[in-house]
Amino acid sequence: MNAPHRAGPAGPLPPSSKERVMGLFHRSHEPEAPKPQRYQMREKLLSIGDDSWIENESGDKVFKVNGKAMRLRSTFILQDPNGNELAKIQERKLSVRDKMHIECGATSATVHKAMLGIRHRFTIDPDNGENLHAHGNFVSHEYEIERDGETVATISKKWFRVRDTYGVQIGAGENPAFLLAITVCVDEMSRG
């Protein structure tokens, strides 16, 4: 629908606000919302003493998982491509229940594994902020991580057709290093 052409003493008048909204003059000045980020991970990514890469959906190596053997526990370090430590993941061998601990910048969190019948469920308990919960099919890498009922990450094998590979889609505004560290914990604890 074209706005009627109006003329004034110096030529056409600027369109009214109603015409701007309805016509070609409407341009949103709001910035585009950030898009979710998608990463590619390998199944059984972690083995003590091995290093593995996490790639973005373009195939660029963006995070390195460095597996180290410590005396009493397994330790994995999530690094950027330059080798800077972003997160440390440690298995709690001496605890009664299955747990892993994450240190990611100023945030520390414990990932707890719980059994419900034949199904597993994971709770992520950060020292600051709300708990997160992971639910779904962990063995098949088809699950979600939620905070207060909202999905912050989706894990699926559907996005990549490479054998033994699955994808992690992280919501806009979330900390990818922290959520990838959680995914590393869930992967490790689901195999045990």
C-alpha atoms as a PDB file:
ATOM      1  CA  MET A   1       0.000   0.000   0.000  1.00  0.00           C
ATOM      2  CA  ASN A   2       1.639   3.244  -1.072  1.00  0.00           C
ATOM      3  CA  ALA A   3       1.357   6.384   0.999  1.00  0.00           C
ATOM      4  CA  PRO A   4      -0.341   9.294  -0.788  1.00  0.00           C
ATOM      5  CA  HIS A   5       2.082  11.837  -2.193  1.00  0.00           C
ATOM      6  CA  ARG A   6       1.811  15.177  -0.400  1.00  0.00           C
ATOM      7  CA  ALA A   7       3.423  18.355  -1.589  1.00  0.00           C
ATOM      8  CA  GLY A   8       4.421  21.427   0.347  1.00  0.00           C
ATOM      9  CA  PRO A   9       6.059  24.743  -0.538  1.00  0.00           C
ATOM     10  CA  ALA A  10       9.544  23.158  -0.688  1.00  0.00           C
ATOM     11  CA  GLY A  11       8.516  19.861  -2.309  1.00  0.00           C
ATOM     12  CA  PRO A  12       7.219  16.658  -0.792  1.00  0.00           C
ATOM     13  CA  LEU A  13       6.568  16.681   2.952  1.00  0.00           C
ATOM     14  CA  PRO A  14       8.157  14.007   5.090  1.00  0.00           C
ATOM     15  CA  PRO A  15       5.803  11.103   5.704  1.00  0.00           C
ATOM     16  CA  SER A  16       3.762  11.094   8.881  1.00  0.00           C
ATOM     17  CA  SER A  17       4.691   8.646  11.625  1.00  0.00           C
ATOM     18  CA  LYS A  18       1.804   6.390  10.600  1.00  0.00           C
ATOM     19  CA  GLU A  19       3.048   6.359   6.990  1.00  0.00           C
ATOM     20  CA  ARG A  20       6.607   5.567   8.197  1.00  0.00           C
ATOM     21  CA  VAL A  21       5.402   2.513  10.062  1.00  0.00           C
ATOM     22  CA  MET A  22       3.250   1.247   7.214  1.00  0.00           C
ATOM     23  CA  GLY A  23       5.398   2.209   4.221  1.00  0.00           C
ATOM     24  CA  LEU A  24       8.916   1.788   2.928  1.00  0.00           C
ATOM     25  CA  PHE A  25      10.284   4.269   5.424  1.00  0.00           C
ATOM     26  CA  HIS A  26       9.948   1.792   8.307  1.00  0.00           C
ATOM     27  CA  ARG A  27      13.388   0.670   9.402  1.00  0.00           C
ATOM     28  CA  SER A  28      13.996  -0.958  12.729  1.00  0.00           C
ATOM     29  CA  HIS A  29      16.753   0.835  14.573  1.00  0.00           C
ATOM     30  CA  GLU A  30      17.008  -1.933  17.130  1.00  0.00           C
ATOM     31  CA  PRO A  31      20.121  -4.073  16.767  1.00  0.00           C
ATOM     32  CA  GLU A  32      19.600  -7.647  15.634  1.00  0.00           C
ATOM     33  CA  ALA A  33      19.371 -10.086  18.500  1.00  0.00           C
ATOM     34  CA  PRO A  34      22.539 -12.164  18.872  1.00  0.00           C
ATOM     35  CA  LYS A  35      22.223 -15.600  17.331  1.00  0.00           C
ATOM     36  CA  PRO A  36      22.820 -18.852  19.188  1.00  0.00           C
ATOM     37  CA  GLN A  37      26.302 -20.283  18.837  1.00  0.00           C
ATOM     38  CA  ARG A  38      26.789 -23.853  17.635  1.00  0.00           C
ATOM     39  CA  TYR A  39      29.811 -26.040  18.374  1.00  0.00           C
ATOM     40  CA  GLN A  40      30.881 -29.490  17.234  1.00  0.00           C
ATOM     41  CA  MET A  41      32.173 -32.006  19.770  1.00  0.00           C
ATOM     42  CA  ARG A  42      33.394 -35.566  19.463  1.00  0.00           C
ATOM     43  CA  GLU A  43      31.811 -38.404  21.414  1.00  0.00           C
ATOM     44  CA  LYS A  44      34.107 -39.757  24.094  1.00  0.00           C
ATOM     45  CA  LEU A  45      35.997 -36.512  23.676  1.00  0.00           C
ATOM     46  CA  LEU A  46      37.955 -36.988  26.820  1.00  0.00           C
ATOM     47  CA  SER A  47      40.587 -39.488  27.691  1.00  0.00           C
ATOM     48  CA  ILE A  48      43.084 -38.788  30.406  1.00  0.00           C
ATOM     49  CA  GLY A  49      46.294 -37.560  28.823  1.00  0.00           C
ATOM     50  CA  ASP A  50      44.650 -36.762  25.464  1.00  0.00           C
ATOM     51  CA  ASP A  51      43.894 -33.394  23.940  1.00  0.00           C
ATOM     52  CA  SER A  52      40.833 -32.731  21.755  1.00  0.00           C
ATOM     53  CA  TRP A  53      39.414 -29.740  19.900  1.00  0.00           C
ATOM     54  CA  ILE A  54      35.914 -28.270  19.941  1.00  0.00           C
ATOM     55  CA  GLU A  55      35.063 -26.622  16.633  1.00  0.00           C
ATOM     56  CA  ASN A  56      32.462 -24.030  15.694  1.00  0.00           C
ATOM     57  CA  GLU A  57      29.931 -24.841  12.978  1.00  0.00           C
ATOM     58  CA  SER A  58      32.343 -23.480  10.346  1.00  0.00           C
ATOM     59  CA  GLY A  59      34.960 -26.046  11.361  1.00  0.00           C
ATOM     60  CA  ASP A  60      37.285 -23.569  13.103  1.00  0.00           C
ATOM     61  CA  LYS A  61      39.062 -24.906  16.200  1.00  0.00           C
ATOM     62  CA  VAL A  62      37.830 -22.609  18.972  1.00  0.00           C
ATOM     63  CA  PHE A  63      38.372 -24.521  22.240  1.00  0.00           C
ATOM     64  CA  LYS A  64      40.907 -27.147  23.229  1.00  0.00           C
ATOM     65  CA  VAL A  65      40.191 -29.758  25.890  1.00  0.00           C
ATOM     66  CA  ASN A  66      43.429 -30.776  27.565  1.00  0.00           C
ATOM     67  CA  GLY A  67      43.162 -34.032  29.557  1.00  0.00           C
ATOM     68  CA  LYS A  68      45.581 -34.306  32.462  1.00  0.00           C
ATOM     69  CA  ALA A  69      46.078 -37.123  34.969  1.00  0.00           C
ATOM     70  CA  MET A  70      46.372 -35.884  38.557  1.00  0.00           C
ATOM     71  CA  ARG A  71      46.965 -38.124  41.564  1.00  0.00           C
ATOM     72  CA  LEU A  72      43.430 -38.505  42.890  1.00  0.00           C
ATOM     73  CA  ARG A  73      41.233 -37.185  40.133  1.00  0.00           C
ATOM     74  CA  SER A  74      40.819 -36.610  36.444  1.00  0.00           C
ATOM     75  CA  THR A  75      41.358 -33.008  35.390  1.00  0.00           C
ATOM     76  CA  PHE A  76      40.400 -31.437  32.086  1.00  0.00           C
ATOM     77  CA  ILE A  77      41.362 -27.910  31.081  1.00  0.00           C
ATOM     78  CA  LEU A  78      39.269 -25.987  28.543  1.00  0.00           C
ATOM     79  CA  GLN A  79      41.540 -23.551  26.674  1.00  0.00           C
ATOM     80  CA  ASP A  80      41.159 -20.993  23.920  1.00  0.00           C
ATOM     81  CA  PRO A  81      43.209 -21.545  20.718  1.00  0.00           C
ATOM     82  CA  ASN A  82      46.112 -19.574  22.243  1.00  0.00           C
ATOM     83  CA  GLY A  83      46.356 -21.950  25.218  1.00  0.00           C
ATOM     84  CA  ASN A  84      44.747 -19.622  27.776  1.00  0.00           C
ATOM     85  CA  GLU A  85      42.827 -21.524  30.450  1.00  0.00           C
ATOM     86  CA  LEU A  86      39.083 -20.790  30.355  1.00  0.00           C
ATOM     87  CA  ALA A  87      37.772 -23.548  32.619  1.00  0.00           C
ATOM     88  CA  LYS A  88      39.097 -26.357  34.796  1.00  0.00           C
ATOM     89  CA  ILE A  89      37.022 -29.512  35.220  1.00  0.00           C
ATOM     90  CA  GLN A  90      37.861 -31.970  38.000  1.00  0.00           C
ATOM     91  CA  GLU A  91      36.298 -35.302  38.858  1.00  0.00           C
ATOM     92  CA  ARG A  92      35.561 -35.843  42.545  1.00  0.00           C
ATOM     93  CA  LYS A  93      36.828 -39.406  43.016  1.00  0.00           C
ATOM     94  CA  LEU A  94      36.478 -39.550  46.775  1.00  0.00           C
ATOM     95  CA  SER A  95      32.841 -38.458  46.944  1.00  0.00           C
ATOM     96  CA  VAL A  96      29.977 -40.865  47.569  1.00  0.00           C
ATOM     97  CA  ARG A  97      27.992 -39.645  44.551  1.00  0.00           C
ATOM     98  CA  ASP A  98      29.158 -38.886  41.034  1.00  0.00           C
ATOM     99  CA  LYS A  99      30.290 -35.256  40.872  1.00  0.00           C
ATOM    100  CA  MET A 100      32.561 -33.071  38.823  1.00  0.00           C
ATOM    101  CA  HIS A 101      33.675 -29.558  39.696  1.00  0.00           C
ATOM    102  CA  ILE A 102      34.053 -26.680  37.213  1.00  0.00           C
ATOM    103  CA  GLU A 103      36.031 -23.463  37.700  1.00  0.00           C
ATOM    104  CA  CYS A 104      35.315 -21.024  34.888  1.00  0.00           C
ATOM    105  CA  GLY A 105      36.558 -17.493  35.472  1.00  0.00           C
ATOM    106  CA  ALA A 106      34.831 -16.165  38.595  1.00  0.00           C
ATOM    107  CA  THR A 107      32.259 -18.988  38.557  1.00  0.00           C
ATOM    108  CA  SER A 108      32.606 -22.332  40.282  1.00  0.00           C
ATOM    109  CA  ALA A 109      29.994 -25.052  39.905  1.00  0.00           C
ATOM    110  CA  THR A 110      29.444 -28.663  40.828  1.00  0.00           C
ATOM    111  CA  VAL A 111      27.779 -31.049  38.396  1.00  0.00           C
ATOM    112  CA  HIS A 112      25.806 -33.763  40.217  1.00  0.00           C
ATOM    113  CA  LYS A 113      24.558 -36.956  38.612  1.00  0.00           C
ATOM    114  CA  ALA A 114      21.344 -38.454  39.969  1.00  0.00           C
ATOM    115  CA  MET A 115      19.674 -41.741  39.044  1.00  0.00           C
ATOM    116  CA  LEU A 116      15.932 -41.904  38.563  1.00  0.00           C
ATOM    117  CA  GLY A 117      15.102 -45.507  37.751  1.00  0.00           C
ATOM    118  CA  ILE A 118      17.028 -46.259  34.561  1.00  0.00           C
ATOM    119  CA  ARG A 119      17.332 -42.574  33.608  1.00  0.00           C
ATOM    120  CA  HIS A 120      20.025 -40.131  34.608  1.00  0.00           C
ATOM    121  CA  ARG A 121      19.526 -36.489  35.425  1.00  0.00           C
ATOM    122  CA  PHE A 122      22.141 -33.823  36.102  1.00  0.00           C
ATOM    123  CA  THR A 123      22.002 -30.764  38.324  1.00  0.00           C
ATOM    124  CA  ILE A 124      24.576 -28.011  37.930  1.00  0.00           C
ATOM    125  CA  ASP A 125      24.997 -26.024  41.138  1.00  0.00           C
ATOM    126  CA  PRO A 126      26.981 -22.784  40.581  1.00  0.00           C
ATOM    127  CA  ASP A 127      28.327 -20.863  43.572  1.00  0.00           C
ATOM    128  CA  ASN A 128      26.656 -17.699  42.222  1.00  0.00           C
ATOM    129  CA  GLY A 129      23.394 -17.807  40.347  1.00  0.00           C
ATOM    130  CA  GLU A 130      20.586 -20.226  39.725  1.00  0.00           C
ATOM    131  CA  ASN A 131      20.967 -23.993  39.363  1.00  0.00           C
ATOM    132  CA  LEU A 132      20.865 -25.518  35.924  1.00  0.00           C
ATOM    133  CA  HIS A 133      19.371 -28.889  35.020  1.00  0.00           C
ATOM    134  CA  ALA A 134      20.202 -31.250  32.185  1.00  0.00           C
ATOM    135  CA  HIS A 135      17.587 -33.706  30.982  1.00  0.00           C
ATOM    136  CA  GLY A 136      17.084 -35.943  27.970  1.00  0.00           C
ATOM    137  CA  ASN A 137      18.900 -38.866  26.406  1.00  0.00           C
ATOM    138  CA  PHE A 138      22.543 -38.467  27.446  1.00  0.00           C
ATOM    139  CA  VAL A 139      23.833 -41.679  25.871  1.00  0.00           C
ATOM    140  CA  SER A 140      22.496 -40.587  22.453  1.00  0.00           C
ATOM    141  CA  HIS A 141      23.577 -36.964  22.972  1.00  0.00           C
ATOM    142  CA  GLU A 142      20.036 -35.589  22.679  1.00  0.00           C
ATOM    143  CA  TYR A 143      19.408 -33.386  25.712  1.00  0.00           C
ATOM    144  CA  GLU A 144      18.915 -29.829  26.966  1.00  0.00           C
ATOM    145  CA  ILE A 145      20.398 -27.710  29.732  1.00  0.00           C
ATOM    146  CA  GLU A 146      17.898 -25.381  31.376  1.00  0.00           C
ATOM    147  CA  ARG A 147      17.963 -22.535  33.871  1.00  0.00           C
ATOM    148  CA  ASP A 148      14.677 -21.678  35.565  1.00  0.00           C
ATOM    149  CA  GLY A 149      12.715 -23.558  32.875  1.00  0.00           C
ATOM    150  CA  GLU A 150      14.435 -21.793  29.942  1.00  0.00           C
ATOM    151  CA  THR A 151      16.725 -23.728  27.614  1.00  0.00           C
ATOM    152  CA  VAL A 152      20.257 -22.270  27.589  1.00  0.00           C
ATOM    153  CA  ALA A 153      21.882 -25.077  25.564  1.00  0.00           C
ATOM    154  CA  THR A 154      20.684 -27.883  23.316  1.00  0.00           C
ATOM    155  CA  ILE A 155      22.837 -30.918  22.582  1.00  0.00           C
ATOM    156  CA  SER A 156      22.040 -32.981  19.475  1.00  0.00           C
ATOM    157  CA  LYS A 157      23.600 -35.294  16.901  1.00  0.00           C
ATOM    158  CA  LYS A 158      21.219 -33.994  14.198  1.00  0.00           C
ATOM    159  CA  TRP A 159      23.267 -30.952  13.140  1.00  0.00           C
ATOM    160  CA  PHE A 160      26.423 -32.730  12.051  1.00  0.00           C
ATOM    161  CA  ARG A 161      26.656 -35.817   9.884  1.00  0.00           C
ATOM    162  CA  VAL A 162      30.166 -36.776  11.008  1.00  0.00           C
ATOM    163  CA  ARG A 163      30.360 -40.089  12.832  1.00  0.00           C
ATOM    164  CA  ASP A 164      30.901 -39.896  16.605  1.00  0.00           C
ATOM    165  CA  THR A 165      30.123 -36.165  16.565  1.00  0.00           C
ATOM    166  CA  TYR A 166      27.399 -34.113  18.207  1.00  0.00           C
ATOM    167  CA  GLY A 167      26.494 -30.443  18.329  1.00  0.00           C
ATOM    168  CA  VAL A 168      26.064 -28.023  21.203  1.00  0.00           C
ATOM    169  CA  GLN A 169      23.911 -24.969  20.508  1.00  0.00           C
ATOM    170  CA  ILE A 170      24.332 -22.273  23.150  1.00  0.00           C
ATOM    171  CA  GLY A 171      21.801 -19.499  23.593  1.00  0.00           C
ATOM    172  CA  ALA A 172      22.743 -15.898  22.880  1.00  0.00           C
ATOM    173  CA  GLY A 173      24.238 -14.096  25.859  1.00  0.00           C
ATOM    174  CA  GLU A 174      25.356 -17.298  27.579  1.00  0.00           C
ATOM    175  CA  ASN A 175      28.951 -18.159  28.507  1.00  0.00           C
ATOM    176  CA  PRO A 176      30.051 -20.772  25.932  1.00  0.00           C
ATOM    177  CA  ALA A 177      33.111 -21.913  27.920  1.00  0.00           C
ATOM    178  CA  PHE A 178      30.970 -22.616  31.006  1.00  0.00           C
ATOM    179  CA  LEU A 179      28.252 -24.474  29.090  1.00  0.00           C
ATOM    180  CA  LEU A 180      30.779 -26.481  27.060  1.00  0.00           C
ATOM    181  CA  ALA A 181      32.485 -27.422  30.345  1.00  0.00           C
ATOM    182  CA  ILE A 182      29.113 -28.671  31.620  1.00  0.00           C
ATOM    183  CA  THR A 183      28.699 -30.694  28.424  1.00  0.00           C
ATOM    184  CA  VAL A 184      32.177 -32.204  28.930  1.00  0.00           C
ATOM    185  CA  CYS A 185      31.152 -33.239  32.473  1.00  0.00           C
ATOM    186  CA  VAL A 186      27.860 -34.760  31.335  1.00  0.00           C
ATOM    187  CA  ASP A 187      29.638 -36.677  28.549  1.00  0.00           C
ATOM    188  CA  GLU A 188      32.251 -38.017  30.958  1.00  0.00           C
ATOM    189  CA  MET A 189      29.778 -38.927  33.714  1.00  0.00           C
ATOM    190  CA  SER A 190      27.268 -40.540  31.326  1.00  0.00           C
ATOM    191  CA  ARG A 191      29.833 -43.108  30.263  1.00  0.00           C
ATOM    192  CA  GLY A 192      30.590 -44.211  33.816  1.00  0.00           C
END
